[in-house]
Amino acid sequence: MGQVTIYLDAEAEAKVRQAARAMNTSLSQWVSDLIREKTAMVWPESVKELAGAWKDFPDAEEIRNGMGEDTSREGI
């Protein structure tokens, strides 16, 4: 396991310590989890769950409604 030294101003350090305490975890684990989250190459579940949540964009059936029937194509 590697070690990394980071320098934080007093305000940032206080926020990190408070966040780690709120998550009931060590500073090291909190920073490690944050790095994993921010460098993930997949969408988080919270984003995936939003699929279909908005009704703003009409589906194909709504777009085609009232356009009539397609013209028959000639055979090959």
C-alpha atoms as a PDB file:
ATOM      1  CA  MET A   1       0.000   0.000   0.000  1.00  0.00           C
ATOM      2  CA  GLY A   2       1.409   3.388  -0.998  1.00  0.00           C
ATOM      3  CA  GLN A   3       1.669   6.474   1.133  1.00  0.00           C
ATOM      4  CA  VAL A   4       0.923   9.989  -0.066  1.00  0.00           C
ATOM      5  CA  THR A   5       1.560  13.258   1.730  1.00  0.00           C
ATOM      6  CA  ILE A   6      -0.828  16.107   1.024  1.00  0.00           C
ATOM      7  CA  TYR A   7      -0.851  19.648   2.331  1.00  0.00           C
ATOM      8  CA  LEU A   8      -4.152  21.281   3.211  1.00  0.00           C
ATOM      9  CA  ASP A   9      -4.989  24.729   4.473  1.00  0.00           C
ATOM     10  CA  ALA A  10      -6.650  24.854   7.891  1.00  0.00           C
ATOM     11  CA  GLU A  11     -10.171  25.228   6.481  1.00  0.00           C
ATOM     12  CA  ALA A  12      -9.834  22.256   4.111  1.00  0.00           C
ATOM     13  CA  GLU A  13      -8.315  20.109   6.846  1.00  0.00           C
ATOM     14  CA  ALA A  14     -11.181  20.923   9.208  1.00  0.00           C
ATOM     15  CA  LYS A  15     -13.727  20.008   6.521  1.00  0.00           C
ATOM     16  CA  VAL A  16     -11.983  16.707   5.746  1.00  0.00           C
ATOM     17  CA  ARG A  17     -11.775  15.782   9.417  1.00  0.00           C
ATOM     18  CA  GLN A  18     -15.440  16.656   9.924  1.00  0.00           C
ATOM     19  CA  ALA A  19     -16.486  14.627   6.863  1.00  0.00           C
ATOM     20  CA  ALA A  20     -14.457  11.596   7.976  1.00  0.00           C
ATOM     21  CA  ARG A  21     -15.906  11.842  11.473  1.00  0.00           C
ATOM     22  CA  ALA A  22     -19.448  12.053  10.044  1.00  0.00           C
ATOM     23  CA  MET A  23     -18.793   8.896   8.024  1.00  0.00           C
ATOM     24  CA  ASN A  24     -17.298   7.213  11.105  1.00  0.00           C
ATOM     25  CA  THR A  25     -14.081   6.420   9.233  1.00  0.00           C
ATOM     26  CA  SER A  26     -10.417   7.359   9.332  1.00  0.00           C
ATOM     27  CA  LEU A  27      -8.998  10.273   7.345  1.00  0.00           C
ATOM     28  CA  SER A  28      -6.992   7.839   5.258  1.00  0.00           C
ATOM     29  CA  GLN A  29     -10.022   5.714   4.421  1.00  0.00           C
ATOM     30  CA  TRP A  30     -12.159   8.798   3.684  1.00  0.00           C
ATOM     31  CA  VAL A  31      -9.576  10.211   1.244  1.00  0.00           C
ATOM     32  CA  SER A  32      -9.047   6.793  -0.325  1.00  0.00           C
ATOM     33  CA  ASP A  33     -12.811   6.372  -0.874  1.00  0.00           C
ATOM     34  CA  LEU A  34     -13.042   9.865  -2.367  1.00  0.00           C
ATOM     35  CA  ILE A  35     -10.211   9.142  -4.808  1.00  0.00           C
ATOM     36  CA  ARG A  36     -11.867   5.862  -5.883  1.00  0.00           C
ATOM     37  CA  GLU A  37     -15.199   7.657  -6.379  1.00  0.00           C
ATOM     38  CA  LYS A  38     -13.716  10.523  -8.378  1.00  0.00           C
ATOM     39  CA  THR A  39     -11.605   8.276 -10.625  1.00  0.00           C
ATOM     40  CA  ALA A  40     -14.259   5.617 -11.308  1.00  0.00           C
ATOM     41  CA  MET A  41     -14.792   4.851 -14.971  1.00  0.00           C
ATOM     42  CA  VAL A  42     -18.481   3.954 -14.582  1.00  0.00           C
ATOM     43  CA  TRP A  43     -21.580   5.956 -13.772  1.00  0.00           C
ATOM     44  CA  PRO A  44     -22.585   5.814 -10.105  1.00  0.00           C
ATOM     45  CA  GLU A  45     -25.806   3.936  -9.309  1.00  0.00           C
ATOM     46  CA  SER A  46     -27.452   7.222  -8.286  1.00  0.00           C
ATOM     47  CA  VAL A  47     -27.005   8.487 -11.858  1.00  0.00           C
ATOM     48  CA  LYS A  48     -28.124   5.217 -13.459  1.00  0.00           C
ATOM     49  CA  GLU A  49     -31.325   5.337 -11.402  1.00  0.00           C
ATOM     50  CA  LEU A  50     -32.225   8.653 -13.051  1.00  0.00           C
ATOM     51  CA  ALA A  51     -32.729   6.997 -16.442  1.00  0.00           C
ATOM     52  CA  GLY A  52     -36.308   7.658 -17.488  1.00  0.00           C
ATOM     53  CA  ALA A  53     -36.957   9.960 -14.527  1.00  0.00           C
ATOM     54  CA  TRP A  54     -37.857  12.935 -16.734  1.00  0.00           C
ATOM     55  CA  LYS A  55     -40.831  12.987 -19.064  1.00  0.00           C
ATOM     56  CA  ASP A  56     -39.519  16.023 -20.997  1.00  0.00           C
ATOM     57  CA  PHE A  57     -38.490  14.192 -24.150  1.00  0.00           C
ATOM     58  CA  PRO A  58     -41.212  12.384 -26.103  1.00  0.00           C
ATOM     59  CA  ASP A  59     -40.742   8.743 -27.002  1.00  0.00           C
ATOM     60  CA  ALA A  60     -40.798   7.548 -30.620  1.00  0.00           C
ATOM     61  CA  GLU A  61     -44.528   6.787 -30.536  1.00  0.00           C
ATOM     62  CA  GLU A  62     -45.373  10.341 -29.428  1.00  0.00           C
ATOM     63  CA  ILE A  63     -43.122  11.816 -32.129  1.00  0.00           C
ATOM     64  CA  ARG A  64     -44.749   9.743 -34.874  1.00  0.00           C
ATOM     65  CA  ASN A  65     -48.306  10.342 -33.635  1.00  0.00           C
ATOM     66  CA  GLY A  66     -50.378  12.011 -36.374  1.00  0.00           C
ATOM     67  CA  MET A  67     -47.815  11.452 -39.133  1.00  0.00           C
ATOM     68  CA  GLY A  68     -49.904   8.837 -40.886  1.00  0.00           C
ATOM     69  CA  GLU A  69     -48.835   5.511 -42.292  1.00  0.00           C
ATOM     70  CA  ASP A  70     -45.481   4.887 -43.904  1.00  0.00           C
ATOM     71  CA  THR A  71     -45.490   4.443 -47.671  1.00  0.00           C
ATOM     72  CA  SER A  72     -45.066   0.866 -48.828  1.00  0.00           C
ATOM     73  CA  ARG A  73     -41.646   0.119 -50.185  1.00  0.00           C
ATOM     74  CA  GLU A  74     -41.137  -1.720 -53.388  1.00  0.00           C
ATOM     75  CA  GLY A  75     -39.683  -5.175 -53.188  1.00  0.00           C
ATOM     76  CA  ILE A  76     -36.202  -6.093 -54.277  1.00  0.00           C
END
